[in-house]
Amino acid sequence: MARPPKATIDYFPHDANASNKKTVYILEQKFGLVGYCFWFKLLELLCYTEGHYYDFSSIPSWEFLKARTRATDDDTAKGIMETLVGLEAIDVELYQQKIIWIENLVNNFKDVYSRRETGLPTKPGATPGAPEFTINDNEGIGRLVKLYQEETGRDLTTPIEHEKFKDFYITYPEDSIERAIKEAVAFKAKSPLRYMEKILEDWETKGGPDSEGKRAGKRRTDSKKVLTPDRYTDPDTL
């Protein structure tokens, strides 16, 4: 199975009168040049981040957000973010889940994505055409989530994590997901889901378990060498 096209943008327009628009004007009035810088650095971050959303629920992702936007401290960053929420410049619902999504920004990319094979990215948790099931009401995925929680000692705490696990279930055989969970634990990955994503993709393209990508397929038993955990690098160590 071919990997899906990237959902990122290389540039976005910066209007000459941007400082006169409501969001930037208010940010500058309240926070000075720091507010102006934060906004446009945030837009840059969202443009080159896959799917055009940013999850800042972990300490490293929050620290990177502050560094990337040149926020001077926690209070300043939180103050700017709360101002953006009040202005409805960022999605209020997802912000409560520590996810940044700007609908107006993504809508500006419609023309670009109309020329791509992939469609315009949608708000996390609202993927069109996805199967209508939740993690708790489907026996198969529910069993895998329970295994993930028991093996890693972690819960799926954000909509992004829920959607990623659903993507695993839709795309890969159950026994491959089970093995990916156990290998992430064996490798002591700091981010088990990200580690699982990498090795599942590698198995799909490099001849690992169930590389045919069939849900009902049997585990590979031919002479090809099975990839082992020490062949992967935990993404958080890069």
C-alpha atoms as a PDB file:
ATOM      1  CA  MET A   1       0.000   0.000   0.000  1.00  0.00           C
ATOM      2  CA  ALA A   2       1.441   3.368  -1.025  1.00  0.00           C
ATOM      3  CA  ARG A   3       1.882   5.983   1.647  1.00  0.00           C
ATOM      4  CA  PRO A   4      -0.611   8.862   1.408  1.00  0.00           C
ATOM      5  CA  PRO A   5       0.527  12.215  -0.019  1.00  0.00           C
ATOM      6  CA  LYS A   6       1.778  14.742   2.487  1.00  0.00           C
ATOM      7  CA  ALA A   7      -0.755  17.240   3.795  1.00  0.00           C
ATOM      8  CA  THR A   8       1.527  20.253   4.182  1.00  0.00           C
ATOM      9  CA  ILE A   9       1.930  23.642   2.494  1.00  0.00           C
ATOM     10  CA  ASP A  10       5.211  25.308   1.533  1.00  0.00           C
ATOM     11  CA  TYR A  11       3.980  28.895   1.745  1.00  0.00           C
ATOM     12  CA  PHE A  12       1.000  31.087   2.610  1.00  0.00           C
ATOM     13  CA  PRO A  13       0.186  34.695   1.645  1.00  0.00           C
ATOM     14  CA  HIS A  14       1.151  37.492   4.031  1.00  0.00           C
ATOM     15  CA  ASP A  15      -0.954  40.520   3.123  1.00  0.00           C
ATOM     16  CA  ALA A  16       0.627  43.971   3.278  1.00  0.00           C
ATOM     17  CA  ASN A  17      -2.235  45.201   5.459  1.00  0.00           C
ATOM     18  CA  ALA A  18      -2.112  42.206   7.854  1.00  0.00           C
ATOM     19  CA  SER A  19      -1.496  44.482  10.854  1.00  0.00           C
ATOM     20  CA  ASN A  20      -4.852  46.205  10.246  1.00  0.00           C
ATOM     21  CA  LYS A  21      -6.839  42.977  10.510  1.00  0.00           C
ATOM     22  CA  LYS A  22      -8.678  42.232  13.744  1.00  0.00           C
ATOM     23  CA  THR A  23      -6.618  39.333  15.072  1.00  0.00           C
ATOM     24  CA  VAL A  24      -3.178  40.840  14.475  1.00  0.00           C
ATOM     25  CA  TYR A  25      -4.279  44.332  15.539  1.00  0.00           C
ATOM     26  CA  ILE A  26      -5.546  43.093  18.910  1.00  0.00           C
ATOM     27  CA  LEU A  27      -2.499  40.884  19.485  1.00  0.00           C
ATOM     28  CA  GLU A  28      -0.178  43.822  18.824  1.00  0.00           C
ATOM     29  CA  GLN A  29      -2.171  46.104  21.113  1.00  0.00           C
ATOM     30  CA  LYS A  30      -2.053  43.582  23.985  1.00  0.00           C
ATOM     31  CA  PHE A  31       1.359  41.962  23.521  1.00  0.00           C
ATOM     32  CA  GLY A  32       3.334  44.238  21.212  1.00  0.00           C
ATOM     33  CA  LEU A  33       5.655  42.729  18.627  1.00  0.00           C
ATOM     34  CA  VAL A  34       5.644  39.445  20.569  1.00  0.00           C
ATOM     35  CA  GLY A  35       1.957  39.019  19.701  1.00  0.00           C
ATOM     36  CA  TYR A  36       2.590  39.816  16.045  1.00  0.00           C
ATOM     37  CA  CYS A  37       5.503  37.367  15.883  1.00  0.00           C
ATOM     38  CA  PHE A  38       3.583  34.638  17.732  1.00  0.00           C
ATOM     39  CA  TRP A  39       0.696  34.732  15.263  1.00  0.00           C
ATOM     40  CA  PHE A  40       2.718  34.461  12.082  1.00  0.00           C
ATOM     41  CA  LYS A  41       5.155  31.935  13.522  1.00  0.00           C
ATOM     42  CA  LEU A  42       2.113  29.866  14.537  1.00  0.00           C
ATOM     43  CA  LEU A  43       0.726  30.045  10.987  1.00  0.00           C
ATOM     44  CA  GLU A  44       4.091  28.896   9.623  1.00  0.00           C
ATOM     45  CA  LEU A  45       4.116  25.977  12.057  1.00  0.00           C
ATOM     46  CA  LEU A  46       0.624  24.898  11.054  1.00  0.00           C
ATOM     47  CA  CYS A  47       1.445  25.148   7.351  1.00  0.00           C
ATOM     48  CA  TYR A  48       4.349  22.705   7.489  1.00  0.00           C
ATOM     49  CA  THR A  49       2.803  20.385  10.099  1.00  0.00           C
ATOM     50  CA  GLU A  50       1.068  17.328   8.656  1.00  0.00           C
ATOM     51  CA  GLY A  51      -2.699  17.882   8.587  1.00  0.00           C
ATOM     52  CA  HIS A  52      -2.303  21.562   9.566  1.00  0.00           C
ATOM     53  CA  TYR A  53      -2.984  21.091  13.274  1.00  0.00           C
ATOM     54  CA  TYR A  54      -0.649  21.100  16.256  1.00  0.00           C
ATOM     55  CA  ASP A  55      -0.995  18.970  19.387  1.00  0.00           C
ATOM     56  CA  PHE A  56       0.706  20.672  22.337  1.00  0.00           C
ATOM     57  CA  SER A  57      -0.494  18.237  25.012  1.00  0.00           C
ATOM     58  CA  SER A  58       3.004  16.998  25.881  1.00  0.00           C
ATOM     59  CA  ILE A  59       5.698  19.032  27.620  1.00  0.00           C
ATOM     60  CA  PRO A  60       8.129  18.809  24.651  1.00  0.00           C
ATOM     61  CA  SER A  61       5.454  19.915  22.163  1.00  0.00           C
ATOM     62  CA  TRP A  62       4.482  22.854  24.414  1.00  0.00           C
ATOM     63  CA  GLU A  63       8.101  23.903  24.844  1.00  0.00           C
ATOM     64  CA  PHE A  64       8.650  23.690  21.085  1.00  0.00           C
ATOM     65  CA  LEU A  65       5.548  25.809  20.457  1.00  0.00           C
ATOM     66  CA  LYS A  66       6.888  28.523  22.758  1.00  0.00           C
ATOM     67  CA  ALA A  67      10.335  28.399  21.187  1.00  0.00           C
ATOM     68  CA  ARG A  68       8.990  28.343  17.621  1.00  0.00           C
ATOM     69  CA  THR A  69       6.704  31.342  18.196  1.00  0.00           C
ATOM     70  CA  ARG A  70       9.311  33.284  20.232  1.00  0.00           C
ATOM     71  CA  ALA A  71       7.026  33.421  23.281  1.00  0.00           C
ATOM     72  CA  THR A  72       9.136  34.540  26.227  1.00  0.00           C
ATOM     73  CA  ASP A  73       7.473  32.496  28.972  1.00  0.00           C
ATOM     74  CA  ASP A  74       4.460  30.336  29.853  1.00  0.00           C
ATOM     75  CA  ASP A  75       2.286  33.253  30.921  1.00  0.00           C
ATOM     76  CA  THR A  76       2.848  35.140  27.675  1.00  0.00           C
ATOM     77  CA  ALA A  77       2.186  32.088  25.513  1.00  0.00           C
ATOM     78  CA  LYS A  78      -0.962  31.166  27.444  1.00  0.00           C
ATOM     79  CA  GLY A  79      -2.159  34.777  27.382  1.00  0.00           C
ATOM     80  CA  ILE A  80      -1.799  34.957  23.608  1.00  0.00           C
ATOM     81  CA  MET A  81      -3.471  31.583  23.129  1.00  0.00           C
ATOM     82  CA  GLU A  82      -6.406  32.547  25.350  1.00  0.00           C
ATOM     83  CA  THR A  83      -6.778  35.804  23.415  1.00  0.00           C
ATOM     84  CA  LEU A  84      -6.921  33.821  20.171  1.00  0.00           C
ATOM     85  CA  VAL A  85      -9.571  31.561  21.697  1.00  0.00           C
ATOM     86  CA  GLY A  86     -11.601  34.605  22.739  1.00  0.00           C
ATOM     87  CA  LEU A  87     -11.366  35.985  19.214  1.00  0.00           C
ATOM     88  CA  GLU A  88     -12.360  32.550  17.835  1.00  0.00           C
ATOM     89  CA  ALA A  89      -9.234  32.711  15.700  1.00  0.00           C
ATOM     90  CA  ILE A  90      -8.437  29.134  16.737  1.00  0.00           C
ATOM     91  CA  ASP A  91     -10.891  26.293  17.306  1.00  0.00           C
ATOM     92  CA  VAL A  92     -12.236  26.565  20.861  1.00  0.00           C
ATOM     93  CA  GLU A  93     -13.261  22.902  21.222  1.00  0.00           C
ATOM     94  CA  LEU A  94      -9.914  21.506  20.117  1.00  0.00           C
ATOM     95  CA  TYR A  95      -7.985  24.056  22.165  1.00  0.00           C
ATOM     96  CA  GLN A  96      -9.556  22.518  25.260  1.00  0.00           C
ATOM     97  CA  GLN A  97      -7.916  19.261  24.127  1.00  0.00           C
ATOM     98  CA  LYS A  98      -4.614  21.137  23.653  1.00  0.00           C
ATOM     99  CA  ILE A  99      -4.821  21.023  19.876  1.00  0.00           C
ATOM    100  CA  ILE A 100      -4.481  24.082  17.628  1.00  0.00           C
ATOM    101  CA  TRP A 101      -6.660  24.134  14.507  1.00  0.00           C
ATOM    102  CA  ILE A 102      -7.423  27.241  12.438  1.00  0.00           C
ATOM    103  CA  GLU A 103     -10.310  26.594  10.052  1.00  0.00           C
ATOM    104  CA  ASN A 104      -9.865  29.832   8.109  1.00  0.00           C
ATOM    105  CA  LEU A 105      -6.215  29.052   7.438  1.00  0.00           C
ATOM    106  CA  VAL A 106      -6.966  25.599   6.040  1.00  0.00           C
ATOM    107  CA  ASN A 107      -9.847  26.920   3.914  1.00  0.00           C
ATOM    108  CA  ASN A 108      -7.348  29.213   2.209  1.00  0.00           C
ATOM    109  CA  PHE A 109      -5.615  26.098   0.875  1.00  0.00           C
ATOM    110  CA  LYS A 110      -8.618  24.798  -1.091  1.00  0.00           C
ATOM    111  CA  ASP A 111      -7.147  25.779  -4.441  1.00  0.00           C
ATOM    112  CA  VAL A 112      -3.830  24.059  -3.668  1.00  0.00           C
ATOM    113  CA  TYR A 113      -5.462  20.827  -2.528  1.00  0.00           C
ATOM    114  CA  SER A 114      -7.820  20.813  -5.509  1.00  0.00           C
ATOM    115  CA  ARG A 115      -4.747  19.996  -7.596  1.00  0.00           C
ATOM    116  CA  ARG A 116      -3.626  17.169  -5.328  1.00  0.00           C
ATOM    117  CA  GLU A 117      -4.746  13.573  -5.097  1.00  0.00           C
ATOM    118  CA  THR A 118      -5.515  13.987  -1.408  1.00  0.00           C
ATOM    119  CA  GLY A 119      -8.422  16.136  -0.282  1.00  0.00           C
ATOM    120  CA  LEU A 120      -8.346  19.230   1.887  1.00  0.00           C
ATOM    121  CA  PRO A 121      -7.453  18.265   5.482  1.00  0.00           C
ATOM    122  CA  THR A 122     -10.411  18.324   7.849  1.00  0.00           C
ATOM    123  CA  LYS A 123     -10.766  19.202  11.496  1.00  0.00           C
ATOM    124  CA  PRO A 124      -9.278  16.427  13.653  1.00  0.00           C
ATOM    125  CA  GLY A 125     -11.995  14.000  14.694  1.00  0.00           C
ATOM    126  CA  ALA A 126     -14.168  14.844  11.674  1.00  0.00           C
ATOM    127  CA  THR A 127     -12.602  12.778   8.894  1.00  0.00           C
ATOM    128  CA  PRO A 128     -15.128  12.305   6.068  1.00  0.00           C
ATOM    129  CA  GLY A 129     -15.804   8.745   4.978  1.00  0.00           C
ATOM    130  CA  ALA A 130     -14.337   7.183   8.120  1.00  0.00           C
ATOM    131  CA  PRO A 131     -16.136   4.115   9.474  1.00  0.00           C
ATOM    132  CA  GLU A 132     -18.845   4.969  11.989  1.00  0.00           C
ATOM    133  CA  PHE A 133     -17.494   3.327  15.133  1.00  0.00           C
ATOM    134  CA  THR A 134     -15.866   4.470  18.330  1.00  0.00           C
ATOM    135  CA  ILE A 135     -13.043   2.849  20.205  1.00  0.00           C
ATOM    136  CA  ASN A 136     -15.365   1.697  22.965  1.00  0.00           C
ATOM    137  CA  ASP A 137     -18.157   0.140  20.929  1.00  0.00           C
ATOM    138  CA  ASN A 138     -16.180  -2.010  18.484  1.00  0.00           C
ATOM    139  CA  GLU A 139     -14.990  -5.353  19.827  1.00  0.00           C
ATOM    140  CA  GLY A 140     -11.929  -5.636  17.619  1.00  0.00           C
ATOM    141  CA  ILE A 141     -10.487  -2.185  18.178  1.00  0.00           C
ATOM    142  CA  GLY A 142     -11.644  -2.181  21.781  1.00  0.00           C
ATOM    143  CA  ARG A 143      -9.548  -5.270  22.444  1.00  0.00           C
ATOM    144  CA  LEU A 144      -6.503  -3.662  20.833  1.00  0.00           C
ATOM    145  CA  VAL A 145      -6.926  -0.450  22.826  1.00  0.00           C
ATOM    146  CA  LYS A 146      -7.141  -2.458  26.039  1.00  0.00           C
ATOM    147  CA  LEU A 147      -3.960  -4.311  25.054  1.00  0.00           C
ATOM    148  CA  TYR A 148      -2.236  -0.991  24.301  1.00  0.00           C
ATOM    149  CA  GLN A 149      -3.252   0.423  27.685  1.00  0.00           C
ATOM    150  CA  GLU A 150      -2.177  -2.677  29.575  1.00  0.00           C
ATOM    151  CA  GLU A 151       1.164  -3.026  27.789  1.00  0.00           C
ATOM    152  CA  THR A 152       2.189   0.646  27.719  1.00  0.00           C
ATOM    153  CA  GLY A 153       0.475   1.867  30.880  1.00  0.00           C
ATOM    154  CA  ARG A 154      -0.967   4.771  28.900  1.00  0.00           C
ATOM    155  CA  ASP A 155      -4.436   5.881  27.858  1.00  0.00           C
ATOM    156  CA  LEU A 156      -5.517   7.483  24.594  1.00  0.00           C
ATOM    157  CA  THR A 157      -6.140  10.962  25.979  1.00  0.00           C
ATOM    158  CA  THR A 158      -6.687  13.231  22.949  1.00  0.00           C
ATOM    159  CA  PRO A 159      -8.857  13.099  19.807  1.00  0.00           C
ATOM    160  CA  ILE A 160      -5.662  12.883  17.744  1.00  0.00           C
ATOM    161  CA  GLU A 161      -4.551   9.731  19.563  1.00  0.00           C
ATOM    162  CA  HIS A 162      -8.006   8.182  19.124  1.00  0.00           C
ATOM    163  CA  GLU A 163      -7.981   8.939  15.393  1.00  0.00           C
ATOM    164  CA  LYS A 164      -4.452   7.593  14.965  1.00  0.00           C
ATOM    165  CA  PHE A 165      -5.405   4.295  16.610  1.00  0.00           C
ATOM    166  CA  LYS A 166      -8.504   4.067  14.415  1.00  0.00           C
ATOM    167  CA  ASP A 167      -6.268   4.622  11.373  1.00  0.00           C
ATOM    168  CA  PHE A 168      -4.078   1.721  12.511  1.00  0.00           C
ATOM    169  CA  TYR A 169      -7.146  -0.494  12.818  1.00  0.00           C
ATOM    170  CA  ILE A 170      -8.501   0.494   9.399  1.00  0.00           C
ATOM    171  CA  THR A 171      -5.165   0.105   7.616  1.00  0.00           C
ATOM    172  CA  TYR A 172      -3.320  -2.817   9.191  1.00  0.00           C
ATOM    173  CA  PRO A 173      -4.097  -6.403  10.280  1.00  0.00           C
ATOM    174  CA  GLU A 174      -4.870  -6.862  13.957  1.00  0.00           C
ATOM    175  CA  ASP A 175      -1.921  -9.186  14.565  1.00  0.00           C
ATOM    176  CA  SER A 176       0.452  -6.568  13.122  1.00  0.00           C
ATOM    177  CA  ILE A 177      -0.949  -3.958  15.499  1.00  0.00           C
ATOM    178  CA  GLU A 178      -0.543  -6.359  18.418  1.00  0.00           C
ATOM    179  CA  ARG A 179       3.084  -6.975  17.509  1.00  0.00           C
ATOM    180  CA  ALA A 180       3.729  -3.242  17.029  1.00  0.00           C
ATOM    181  CA  ILE A 181       2.401  -2.583  20.546  1.00  0.00           C
ATOM    182  CA  LYS A 182       4.684  -5.211  22.054  1.00  0.00           C
ATOM    183  CA  GLU A 183       7.709  -3.983  20.118  1.00  0.00           C
ATOM    184  CA  ALA A 184       7.089  -0.376  21.195  1.00  0.00           C
ATOM    185  CA  VAL A 185       7.070  -1.596  24.798  1.00  0.00           C
ATOM    186  CA  ALA A 186      10.183  -3.728  24.292  1.00  0.00           C
ATOM    187  CA  PHE A 187      11.984  -0.744  22.788  1.00  0.00           C
ATOM    188  CA  LYS A 188      10.779   1.489  25.663  1.00  0.00           C
ATOM    189  CA  ALA A 189       9.600   4.092  23.161  1.00  0.00           C
ATOM    190  CA  LYS A 190       8.875   7.492  24.667  1.00  0.00           C
ATOM    191  CA  SER A 191       5.933   7.901  22.269  1.00  0.00           C
ATOM    192  CA  PRO A 192       4.487   4.403  21.668  1.00  0.00           C
ATOM    193  CA  LEU A 193       1.952   5.557  19.064  1.00  0.00           C
ATOM    194  CA  ARG A 194       4.567   7.323  16.987  1.00  0.00           C
ATOM    195  CA  TYR A 195       6.872   4.324  17.228  1.00  0.00           C
ATOM    196  CA  MET A 196       4.022   2.004  16.205  1.00  0.00           C
ATOM    197  CA  GLU A 197       3.202   4.244  13.252  1.00  0.00           C
ATOM    198  CA  LYS A 198       6.786   4.091  12.000  1.00  0.00           C
ATOM    199  CA  ILE A 199       7.228   0.337  12.238  1.00  0.00           C
ATOM    200  CA  LEU A 200       3.789  -0.424  10.779  1.00  0.00           C
ATOM    201  CA  GLU A 201       4.628   1.768   7.787  1.00  0.00           C
ATOM    202  CA  ASP A 202       8.023   0.088   7.465  1.00  0.00           C
ATOM    203  CA  TRP A 203       6.472  -3.375   7.606  1.00  0.00           C
ATOM    204  CA  GLU A 204       4.043  -2.299   4.905  1.00  0.00           C
ATOM    205  CA  THR A 205       6.782  -1.181   2.532  1.00  0.00           C
ATOM    206  CA  LYS A 206       9.791  -3.342   3.458  1.00  0.00           C
ATOM    207  CA  GLY A 207       8.352  -6.842   3.722  1.00  0.00           C
ATOM    208  CA  GLY A 208       7.572  -7.107   7.414  1.00  0.00           C
ATOM    209  CA  PRO A 209       4.605  -8.964   8.965  1.00  0.00           C
ATOM    210  CA  ASP A 210       1.406  -8.894   6.890  1.00  0.00           C
ATOM    211  CA  SER A 211       2.903  -6.597   4.297  1.00  0.00           C
ATOM    212  CA  GLU A 212      -0.010  -7.343   1.968  1.00  0.00           C
ATOM    213  CA  GLY A 213      -2.087  -5.058   4.169  1.00  0.00           C
ATOM    214  CA  LYS A 214      -5.051  -7.434   4.355  1.00  0.00           C
ATOM    215  CA  ARG A 215      -7.052  -7.447   7.578  1.00  0.00           C
ATOM    216  CA  ALA A 216      -7.700 -11.182   7.377  1.00  0.00           C
ATOM    217  CA  GLY A 217      -4.258 -12.054   6.028  1.00  0.00           C
ATOM    218  CA  LYS A 218      -2.058 -14.585   7.793  1.00  0.00           C
ATOM    219  CA  ARG A 219       1.243 -13.649   9.377  1.00  0.00           C
ATOM    220  CA  ARG A 220       4.160 -13.871   6.968  1.00  0.00           C
ATOM    221  CA  THR A 221       5.941 -17.223   7.228  1.00  0.00           C
ATOM    222  CA  ASP A 222       8.298 -17.035   4.273  1.00  0.00           C
ATOM    223  CA  SER A 223      12.067 -16.713   4.428  1.00  0.00           C
ATOM    224  CA  LYS A 224      12.141 -12.908   4.437  1.00  0.00           C
ATOM    225  CA  LYS A 225      13.801 -11.519   7.508  1.00  0.00           C
ATOM    226  CA  VAL A 226      11.380 -10.014  10.004  1.00  0.00           C
ATOM    227  CA  LEU A 227      12.289  -6.533  11.164  1.00  0.00           C
ATOM    228  CA  THR A 228      13.073  -6.348  14.864  1.00  0.00           C
ATOM    229  CA  PRO A 229      12.736  -3.441  17.322  1.00  0.00           C
ATOM    230  CA  ASP A 230      16.411  -2.489  17.298  1.00  0.00           C
ATOM    231  CA  ARG A 231      16.107  -1.607  13.618  1.00  0.00           C
ATOM    232  CA  TYR A 232      13.988   1.437  14.446  1.00  0.00           C
ATOM    233  CA  THR A 233      14.708   4.720  16.082  1.00  0.00           C
ATOM    234  CA  ASP A 234      12.278   6.191  18.558  1.00  0.00           C
ATOM    235  CA  PRO A 235      11.057   9.425  16.860  1.00  0.00           C
ATOM    236  CA  ASP A 236      11.432  11.349  20.140  1.00  0.00           C
ATOM    237  CA  THR A 237      15.168  10.659  20.192  1.00  0.00           C
ATOM    238  CA  LEU A 238      15.810  12.236  16.793  1.00  0.00           C
END
